[in-house]
């Protein structure tokens, strides 16, 4: 069986048996320098999410169970996915009566 690293070498057109072993010493001219991706270290992450305030969490706990998620998002000025994510984090679920009502409306 060919090791995973050897599969990559074969795919690049190299013979896996003629490549040097990992522990072999090499000349400084043939040694590859470790070129790390400097853009990854200096890149700023611009997350544009709005942090949740305690009052927003309290409101979400009150209205999430019996209100459609789309309406909750409009009321709170957030996206539907952010509402769903925070509700999941808080362990909130829709009530059985709400789900029954929604299913009845779908058919």
N, C-alpha and C. Protein backbone atom coordinates (compact mmCIF):
# COMPACT_ATOMS: atom_id res chain seq x y z
N UNK A 1 0.84 -1.17 0.00
CA UNK A 1 0.00 0.00 0.00
C UNK A 1 0.89 1.24 0.00
N UNK A 2 0.54 2.21 -0.79
CA UNK A 2 1.31 3.44 -0.90
C UNK A 2 0.83 4.42 0.17
N UNK A 3 1.78 5.02 0.88
CA UNK A 3 1.40 5.97 1.90
C UNK A 3 0.79 7.20 1.27
N UNK A 4 0.02 7.94 2.05
CA UNK A 4 -0.67 9.12 1.54
C UNK A 4 0.29 10.14 0.94
N UNK A 5 1.41 10.39 1.63
CA UNK A 5 2.37 11.37 1.11
C UNK A 5 2.95 10.90 -0.21
N UNK A 6 3.13 9.59 -0.36
CA UNK A 6 3.66 9.06 -1.61
C UNK A 6 2.64 9.19 -2.73
N UNK A 7 1.37 9.10 -2.41
CA UNK A 7 0.35 9.29 -3.43
C UNK A 7 0.44 10.69 -4.02
N UNK A 8 0.70 11.68 -3.16
CA UNK A 8 0.83 13.05 -3.65
C UNK A 8 2.05 13.16 -4.57
N UNK A 9 3.14 12.53 -4.20
CA UNK A 9 4.35 12.59 -5.03
C UNK A 9 4.11 11.93 -6.37
N UNK A 10 3.41 10.81 -6.36
CA UNK A 10 3.13 10.10 -7.61
C UNK A 10 2.23 10.96 -8.49
N UNK A 11 1.26 11.63 -7.88
CA UNK A 11 0.36 12.49 -8.64
C UNK A 11 1.11 13.66 -9.27
N UNK A 12 2.18 14.11 -8.64
CA UNK A 12 3.00 15.19 -9.20
C UNK A 12 4.02 14.68 -10.22
N UNK A 13 4.05 13.39 -10.47
CA UNK A 13 4.97 12.84 -11.45
C UNK A 13 6.29 12.39 -10.86
N UNK A 14 6.38 12.24 -9.55
CA UNK A 14 7.62 11.79 -8.92
C UNK A 14 7.51 10.32 -8.56
N UNK A 15 8.62 9.65 -8.59
CA UNK A 15 8.66 8.26 -8.19
C UNK A 15 8.82 8.22 -6.67
N UNK A 16 7.92 7.55 -5.99
CA UNK A 16 7.96 7.59 -4.54
C UNK A 16 9.15 6.84 -3.95
N UNK A 17 9.76 5.93 -4.70
CA UNK A 17 10.89 5.18 -4.16
C UNK A 17 12.20 5.95 -4.30
N UNK A 18 12.25 6.93 -5.19
CA UNK A 18 13.50 7.65 -5.38
C UNK A 18 13.55 8.96 -4.59
N UNK A 19 12.51 9.28 -3.88
CA UNK A 19 12.55 10.50 -3.07
C UNK A 19 13.38 10.24 -1.83
N UNK A 20 14.01 11.28 -1.34
CA UNK A 20 14.89 11.10 -0.20
C UNK A 20 14.09 10.82 1.07
N UNK A 21 14.64 10.04 1.98
CA UNK A 21 13.95 9.78 3.24
C UNK A 21 13.88 11.04 4.09
N UNK A 22 12.94 11.08 4.99
CA UNK A 22 12.73 12.27 5.81
C UNK A 22 13.93 12.59 6.70
N UNK A 23 14.63 11.59 7.18
CA UNK A 23 15.71 11.83 8.13
C UNK A 23 17.06 12.06 7.45
N UNK A 24 17.12 12.07 6.12
CA UNK A 24 18.39 12.25 5.42
C UNK A 24 18.83 13.72 5.47
N UNK A 25 20.14 13.93 5.63
CA UNK A 25 20.67 15.29 5.62
C UNK A 25 20.79 15.76 4.18
N UNK A 26 20.53 17.05 3.98
CA UNK A 26 20.61 17.57 2.62
C UNK A 26 21.52 18.78 2.58
N UNK A 27 21.94 19.11 1.41
CA UNK A 27 22.75 20.28 1.17
C UNK A 27 21.87 21.52 1.37
N UNK A 28 22.46 22.62 1.81
CA UNK A 28 21.66 23.82 2.08
C UNK A 28 21.04 24.37 0.80
N UNK A 29 21.66 24.11 -0.36
CA UNK A 29 21.09 24.61 -1.61
C UNK A 29 19.83 23.84 -2.00
N UNK A 30 19.75 22.60 -1.62
CA UNK A 30 18.58 21.81 -2.01
C UNK A 30 17.48 21.83 -0.96
N UNK A 31 17.76 22.37 0.20
CA UNK A 31 16.75 22.40 1.25
C UNK A 31 15.72 23.48 0.95
N UNK A 32 14.47 23.11 1.02
CA UNK A 32 13.41 24.10 0.80
C UNK A 32 13.25 24.95 2.04
N UNK A 33 13.06 26.22 1.83
CA UNK A 33 12.81 27.10 2.96
C UNK A 33 11.35 27.02 3.33
N UNK A 34 11.09 27.20 4.57
CA UNK A 34 9.72 27.15 5.04
C UNK A 34 9.08 28.51 4.79
N UNK A 35 8.26 28.58 3.76
CA UNK A 35 7.60 29.84 3.43
C UNK A 35 6.19 29.79 3.98
N UNK A 36 6.00 30.40 5.12
CA UNK A 36 4.67 30.43 5.70
C UNK A 36 3.85 31.51 5.01
N UNK A 37 2.58 31.37 5.08
CA UNK A 37 1.70 32.35 4.44
C UNK A 37 1.58 33.56 5.35
N UNK A 38 2.33 34.58 5.02
CA UNK A 38 2.33 35.77 5.87
C UNK A 38 1.02 36.52 5.79
N UNK A 39 0.29 36.41 4.66
CA UNK A 39 -0.98 37.11 4.54
C UNK A 39 -1.98 36.59 5.55
N UNK A 40 -1.84 35.34 5.93
CA UNK A 40 -2.77 34.76 6.88
C UNK A 40 -2.56 35.32 8.28
N UNK A 41 -1.31 35.66 8.61
CA UNK A 41 -1.01 36.18 9.94
C UNK A 41 -1.37 37.65 10.06
N UNK A 42 -1.21 38.39 8.97
CA UNK A 42 -1.45 39.83 9.03
C UNK A 42 -2.87 40.20 8.63
N UNK A 43 -3.63 39.26 8.12
CA UNK A 43 -4.98 39.54 7.66
C UNK A 43 -5.89 39.84 8.84
N UNK A 44 -6.63 40.91 8.73
CA UNK A 44 -7.56 41.25 9.79
C UNK A 44 -8.90 40.57 9.52
N UNK A 45 -9.51 40.09 10.56
CA UNK A 45 -10.82 39.48 10.42
C UNK A 45 -11.87 40.52 10.76
N UNK A 46 -12.70 40.83 9.80
CA UNK A 46 -13.75 41.82 10.00
C UNK A 46 -15.09 41.12 10.14
N UNK A 47 -15.37 40.69 11.33
CA UNK A 47 -16.66 40.08 11.57
C UNK A 47 -17.66 41.19 11.79
N UNK A 48 -18.76 41.12 11.08
CA UNK A 48 -19.72 42.21 11.15
C UNK A 48 -20.96 41.81 11.96
N UNK A 49 -20.80 40.89 12.88
CA UNK A 49 -21.96 40.52 13.67
C UNK A 49 -22.11 41.46 14.86
N UNK A 50 -23.34 41.58 15.30
CA UNK A 50 -23.65 42.45 16.42
C UNK A 50 -23.71 41.58 17.67
N UNK A 51 -22.98 41.93 18.71
CA UNK A 51 -23.02 41.11 19.92
C UNK A 51 -24.40 41.13 20.57
N UNK A 52 -24.73 40.03 21.21
CA UNK A 52 -26.03 39.91 21.87
C UNK A 52 -25.97 40.58 23.24
N UNK A 53 -26.94 41.44 23.50
CA UNK A 53 -27.04 42.09 24.81
C UNK A 53 -27.94 41.25 25.70
N UNK A 54 -27.83 41.39 27.01
CA UNK A 54 -28.69 40.62 27.91
C UNK A 54 -30.18 40.90 27.69
N UNK A 55 -30.54 42.14 27.34
CA UNK A 55 -31.95 42.44 27.10
C UNK A 55 -32.46 41.76 25.83
N UNK A 56 -31.61 41.66 24.82
CA UNK A 56 -32.01 40.96 23.59
C UNK A 56 -32.20 39.47 23.85
N UNK A 57 -31.34 38.90 24.66
CA UNK A 57 -31.46 37.48 25.00
C UNK A 57 -32.75 37.24 25.78
N UNK A 58 -33.07 38.15 26.68
CA UNK A 58 -34.31 38.04 27.46
C UNK A 58 -35.53 38.11 26.55
N UNK A 59 -35.51 39.04 25.60
CA UNK A 59 -36.60 39.17 24.64
C UNK A 59 -36.72 37.92 23.78
N UNK A 60 -35.59 37.40 23.34
CA UNK A 60 -35.59 36.19 22.52
C UNK A 60 -36.20 35.02 23.28
N UNK A 61 -35.86 34.88 24.54
CA UNK A 61 -36.42 33.80 25.36
C UNK A 61 -37.95 33.92 25.47
N UNK A 62 -38.44 35.17 25.53
CA UNK A 62 -39.88 35.38 25.67
C UNK A 62 -40.65 35.07 24.40
N UNK A 63 -40.16 35.58 23.26
CA UNK A 63 -40.99 35.52 22.05
C UNK A 63 -40.66 34.39 21.09
N UNK A 64 -39.57 33.70 21.27
CA UNK A 64 -39.15 32.70 20.29
C UNK A 64 -40.10 31.50 20.23
N UNK A 65 -40.60 31.06 21.34
CA UNK A 65 -41.34 29.80 21.41
C UNK A 65 -42.64 29.80 20.60
N UNK A 66 -43.34 30.94 20.53
CA UNK A 66 -44.65 30.98 19.87
C UNK A 66 -44.70 31.91 18.66
N UNK A 67 -43.59 32.40 18.21
CA UNK A 67 -43.55 33.35 17.09
C UNK A 67 -42.71 32.78 15.97
N UNK A 68 -43.13 32.97 14.70
CA UNK A 68 -42.28 32.52 13.59
C UNK A 68 -40.90 33.18 13.64
N UNK A 69 -39.90 32.43 13.31
CA UNK A 69 -38.52 32.91 13.40
C UNK A 69 -38.29 34.13 12.51
N UNK A 70 -38.95 34.17 11.36
CA UNK A 70 -38.81 35.31 10.47
C UNK A 70 -39.32 36.59 11.13
N UNK A 71 -40.44 36.48 11.86
CA UNK A 71 -40.99 37.64 12.56
C UNK A 71 -40.10 38.07 13.73
N UNK A 72 -39.53 37.10 14.42
CA UNK A 72 -38.62 37.41 15.52
C UNK A 72 -37.41 38.17 14.98
N UNK A 73 -36.90 37.74 13.83
CA UNK A 73 -35.74 38.39 13.22
C UNK A 73 -36.06 39.83 12.84
N UNK A 74 -37.25 40.07 12.29
CA UNK A 74 -37.64 41.43 11.93
C UNK A 74 -37.78 42.32 13.15
N UNK A 75 -38.39 41.77 14.21
CA UNK A 75 -38.58 42.55 15.43
C UNK A 75 -37.26 42.93 16.08
N UNK A 76 -36.31 42.01 16.04
CA UNK A 76 -35.04 42.25 16.73
C UNK A 76 -33.97 42.87 15.84
N UNK A 77 -34.26 43.01 14.55
CA UNK A 77 -33.29 43.61 13.64
C UNK A 77 -32.09 42.74 13.38
N UNK A 78 -32.31 41.44 13.30
CA UNK A 78 -31.23 40.48 13.05
C UNK A 78 -31.64 39.53 11.93
N UNK A 79 -30.70 38.72 11.49
CA UNK A 79 -31.00 37.75 10.43
C UNK A 79 -31.66 36.52 11.04
N UNK A 80 -32.34 35.77 10.18
CA UNK A 80 -33.01 34.54 10.62
C UNK A 80 -31.98 33.54 11.14
N UNK A 81 -30.84 33.45 10.45
CA UNK A 81 -29.82 32.48 10.87
C UNK A 81 -29.22 32.86 12.23
N UNK A 82 -29.09 34.15 12.51
CA UNK A 82 -28.54 34.54 13.81
C UNK A 82 -29.53 34.21 14.92
N UNK A 83 -30.82 34.38 14.64
CA UNK A 83 -31.86 34.03 15.63
C UNK A 83 -31.84 32.52 15.88
N UNK A 84 -31.77 31.75 14.79
CA UNK A 84 -31.75 30.29 14.93
C UNK A 84 -30.50 29.84 15.69
N UNK A 85 -29.37 30.45 15.39
CA UNK A 85 -28.13 30.07 16.06
C UNK A 85 -28.16 30.37 17.54
N UNK A 86 -28.62 31.56 17.90
CA UNK A 86 -28.66 31.93 19.32
C UNK A 86 -29.69 31.09 20.06
N UNK A 87 -30.84 30.85 19.42
CA UNK A 87 -31.86 30.01 20.06
C UNK A 87 -31.31 28.60 20.29
N UNK A 88 -30.54 28.09 19.35
CA UNK A 88 -29.92 26.78 19.53
C UNK A 88 -28.92 26.79 20.67
N UNK A 89 -28.14 27.87 20.76
CA UNK A 89 -27.17 27.99 21.85
C UNK A 89 -27.86 28.02 23.21
N UNK A 90 -29.01 28.69 23.25
CA UNK A 90 -29.74 28.82 24.51
C UNK A 90 -30.63 27.60 24.80
N UNK A 91 -30.76 26.71 23.82
CA UNK A 91 -31.58 25.52 24.01
C UNK A 91 -33.07 25.79 23.87
N UNK A 92 -33.42 26.84 23.13
CA UNK A 92 -34.83 27.18 22.95
C UNK A 92 -35.43 26.35 21.83
N UNK A 93 -36.70 25.98 22.01
CA UNK A 93 -37.42 25.22 20.99
C UNK A 93 -38.81 25.79 20.84
N UNK A 94 -39.40 25.56 19.69
CA UNK A 94 -40.78 25.97 19.46
C UNK A 94 -41.69 25.06 20.27
N UNK A 95 -42.84 25.60 20.70
CA UNK A 95 -43.79 24.80 21.48
C UNK A 95 -44.49 23.79 20.58
N UNK A 96 -45.03 22.76 21.20
CA UNK A 96 -45.74 21.72 20.45
C UNK A 96 -46.99 22.30 19.78
N UNK A 97 -47.70 23.19 20.48
CA UNK A 97 -48.91 23.79 19.89
C UNK A 97 -48.55 24.65 18.67
N UNK A 98 -47.45 25.38 18.73
CA UNK A 98 -47.02 26.19 17.60
C UNK A 98 -46.66 25.28 16.42
N UNK A 99 -45.93 24.22 16.66
CA UNK A 99 -45.54 23.31 15.59
C UNK A 99 -46.76 22.64 14.96
N UNK A 100 -47.74 22.28 15.80
CA UNK A 100 -48.96 21.66 15.30
C UNK A 100 -49.71 22.63 14.40
N UNK A 101 -49.78 23.88 14.83
CA UNK A 101 -50.45 24.93 14.05
C UNK A 101 -49.74 25.13 12.71
N UNK A 102 -48.43 25.12 12.71
CA UNK A 102 -47.66 25.31 11.50
C UNK A 102 -47.84 24.13 10.54
N UNK A 103 -47.85 22.93 11.08
CA UNK A 103 -48.04 21.76 10.23
C UNK A 103 -49.43 21.73 9.61
N UNK A 104 -50.41 22.16 10.38
CA UNK A 104 -51.79 22.20 9.90
C UNK A 104 -51.90 23.21 8.76
N UNK A 105 -51.20 24.30 8.84
CA UNK A 105 -51.22 25.32 7.81
C UNK A 105 -50.48 24.89 6.54
N UNK A 106 -49.52 23.98 6.68
CA UNK A 106 -48.73 23.55 5.53
C UNK A 106 -49.50 22.63 4.61
N UNK A 107 -50.42 21.80 5.16
CA UNK A 107 -51.11 20.80 4.33
C UNK A 107 -52.36 21.35 3.73
